[in-house]
Amino acid sequence: MINISGMIVSQYPNVFPHEEVVLLQELLNLPKAIPVASKFFDLFSISNIVVESFTVAEKMGSRNEVPFQIQALSDEPIEFTLNA
């Protein structure tokens, strides 16, 4: 189980990061494993995750910041070999 917390931040103080939030939702709704790369994940030999659930929230008093949380599982692709 992997829990990821983050924040999408617009570079402009009063501008909601609409496009970035939509892109995050599209990525997290994909019905397949998502490749990931980081030195931290490398410590655990994680190169793919499957999103179980996620939340995107509103931060009161801050229009340009959108916090999110992702609950995922590590996943390795399964390769089949056919003997012909």
C-alpha atoms as a PDB file:
ATOM      1  CA  MET A   1       0.000   0.000   0.000  1.00  0.00           C
ATOM      2  CA  ILE A   2       1.316   3.429  -0.966  1.00  0.00           C
ATOM      3  CA  ASN A   3      -0.090   6.726   0.307  1.00  0.00           C
ATOM      4  CA  ILE A   4       0.885   9.877  -1.565  1.00  0.00           C
ATOM      5  CA  SER A   5       0.029  13.394  -0.399  1.00  0.00           C
ATOM      6  CA  GLY A   6       0.715  16.420  -2.551  1.00  0.00           C
ATOM      7  CA  MET A   7      -0.354  19.858  -3.614  1.00  0.00           C
ATOM      8  CA  ILE A   8      -1.001  21.364  -7.030  1.00  0.00           C
ATOM      9  CA  VAL A   9       0.030  25.025  -6.907  1.00  0.00           C
ATOM     10  CA  SER A  10      -0.604  27.665  -9.550  1.00  0.00           C
ATOM     11  CA  GLN A  11       2.266  30.073 -10.087  1.00  0.00           C
ATOM     12  CA  TYR A  12      -0.204  32.959  -9.809  1.00  0.00           C
ATOM     13  CA  PRO A  13      -1.595  33.784  -6.330  1.00  0.00           C
ATOM     14  CA  ASN A  14      -5.284  34.177  -7.263  1.00  0.00           C
ATOM     15  CA  VAL A  15      -5.534  31.664 -10.127  1.00  0.00           C
ATOM     16  CA  PHE A  16      -7.062  28.221  -9.583  1.00  0.00           C
ATOM     17  CA  PRO A  17      -4.942  25.509 -11.338  1.00  0.00           C
ATOM     18  CA  HIS A  18      -7.940  24.128 -13.268  1.00  0.00           C
ATOM     19  CA  GLU A  19      -6.074  22.415 -16.125  1.00  0.00           C
ATOM     20  CA  GLU A  20      -3.616  20.734 -13.769  1.00  0.00           C
ATOM     21  CA  VAL A  21      -6.413  19.391 -11.551  1.00  0.00           C
ATOM     22  CA  VAL A  22      -8.268  18.011 -14.593  1.00  0.00           C
ATOM     23  CA  LEU A  23      -5.060  16.335 -15.844  1.00  0.00           C
ATOM     24  CA  LEU A  24      -4.435  14.773 -12.424  1.00  0.00           C
ATOM     25  CA  GLN A  25      -7.977  13.388 -12.317  1.00  0.00           C
ATOM     26  CA  GLU A  26      -7.635  11.954 -15.827  1.00  0.00           C
ATOM     27  CA  LEU A  27      -4.343  10.263 -14.911  1.00  0.00           C
ATOM     28  CA  LEU A  28      -5.679   8.822 -11.668  1.00  0.00           C
ATOM     29  CA  ASN A  29      -8.825   7.482 -13.359  1.00  0.00           C
ATOM     30  CA  LEU A  30      -6.879   5.472 -15.951  1.00  0.00           C
ATOM     31  CA  PRO A  31      -7.787   1.777 -15.663  1.00  0.00           C
ATOM     32  CA  LYS A  32      -4.183   0.586 -15.797  1.00  0.00           C
ATOM     33  CA  ALA A  33      -0.878   0.605 -13.943  1.00  0.00           C
ATOM     34  CA  ILE A  34       0.914   3.946 -13.920  1.00  0.00           C
ATOM     35  CA  PRO A  35       4.716   3.973 -14.323  1.00  0.00           C
ATOM     36  CA  VAL A  36       6.497   5.880 -11.540  1.00  0.00           C
ATOM     37  CA  ALA A  37      10.124   6.842 -11.083  1.00  0.00           C
ATOM     38  CA  SER A  38      11.834   8.218  -8.011  1.00  0.00           C
ATOM     39  CA  LYS A  39      14.840   7.391  -5.886  1.00  0.00           C
ATOM     40  CA  PHE A  40      12.474   6.703  -2.980  1.00  0.00           C
ATOM     41  CA  PHE A  41      10.407   4.186  -4.969  1.00  0.00           C
ATOM     42  CA  ASP A  42      13.646   2.610  -6.215  1.00  0.00           C
ATOM     43  CA  LEU A  43      14.485   1.696  -2.597  1.00  0.00           C
ATOM     44  CA  PHE A  44      11.426  -0.572  -2.612  1.00  0.00           C
ATOM     45  CA  SER A  45      11.737  -1.757  -6.251  1.00  0.00           C
ATOM     46  CA  ILE A  46       8.492   0.011  -7.184  1.00  0.00           C
ATOM     47  CA  SER A  47       8.188   1.037 -10.819  1.00  0.00           C
ATOM     48  CA  ASN A  48       4.408   0.851 -11.330  1.00  0.00           C
ATOM     49  CA  ILE A  49       1.408   1.700  -9.167  1.00  0.00           C
ATOM     50  CA  VAL A  50      -2.316   1.006  -9.426  1.00  0.00           C
ATOM     51  CA  VAL A  51      -4.528   3.725  -7.965  1.00  0.00           C
ATOM     52  CA  GLU A  52      -7.097   2.366  -5.510  1.00  0.00           C
ATOM     53  CA  SER A  53      -8.634   5.729  -4.587  1.00  0.00           C
ATOM     54  CA  PHE A  54      -7.841   9.426  -4.447  1.00  0.00           C
ATOM     55  CA  THR A  55      -9.178  12.679  -3.082  1.00  0.00           C
ATOM     56  CA  VAL A  56      -8.780  16.194  -4.401  1.00  0.00           C
ATOM     57  CA  ALA A  57      -9.756  18.895  -1.933  1.00  0.00           C
ATOM     58  CA  GLU A  58     -10.177  22.632  -1.685  1.00  0.00           C
ATOM     59  CA  LYS A  59      -7.878  24.628   0.573  1.00  0.00           C
ATOM     60  CA  MET A  60      -9.909  27.333   2.238  1.00  0.00           C
ATOM     61  CA  GLY A  61      -8.365  30.784   1.972  1.00  0.00           C
ATOM     62  CA  SER A  62      -5.990  29.826  -0.832  1.00  0.00           C
ATOM     63  CA  ARG A  63      -7.350  29.868  -4.356  1.00  0.00           C
ATOM     64  CA  ASN A  64      -4.130  28.713  -6.063  1.00  0.00           C
ATOM     65  CA  GLU A  65      -3.433  25.576  -3.962  1.00  0.00           C
ATOM     66  CA  VAL A  66      -5.233  22.242  -4.342  1.00  0.00           C
ATOM     67  CA  PRO A  67      -4.234  19.410  -1.975  1.00  0.00           C
ATOM     68  CA  PHE A  68      -4.630  15.784  -3.051  1.00  0.00           C
ATOM     69  CA  GLN A  69      -4.121  12.313  -1.623  1.00  0.00           C
ATOM     70  CA  ILE A  70      -3.634   9.075  -3.532  1.00  0.00           C
ATOM     71  CA  GLN A  71      -3.984   5.555  -2.177  1.00  0.00           C
ATOM     72  CA  ALA A  72      -2.304   3.036  -4.461  1.00  0.00           C
ATOM     73  CA  LEU A  73      -0.753  -0.415  -4.601  1.00  0.00           C
ATOM     74  CA  SER A  74       2.607  -1.285  -6.079  1.00  0.00           C
ATOM     75  CA  ASP A  75       2.280  -3.375  -9.210  1.00  0.00           C
ATOM     76  CA  GLU A  76       4.636  -5.216 -11.472  1.00  0.00           C
ATOM     77  CA  PRO A  77       3.598  -6.125 -15.015  1.00  0.00           C
ATOM     78  CA  ILE A  78       2.905  -9.785 -15.650  1.00  0.00           C
ATOM     79  CA  GLU A  79       4.646 -11.252 -18.668  1.00  0.00           C
ATOM     80  CA  PHE A  80       3.488 -14.512 -20.170  1.00  0.00           C
ATOM     81  CA  THR A  81       5.682 -16.772 -22.292  1.00  0.00           C
ATOM     82  CA  LEU A  82       3.954 -19.087 -24.744  1.00  0.00           C
ATOM     83  CA  ASN A  83       5.693 -22.318 -25.606  1.00  0.00           C
ATOM     84  CA  ALA A  84       4.905 -23.043 -29.217  1.00  0.00           C
END
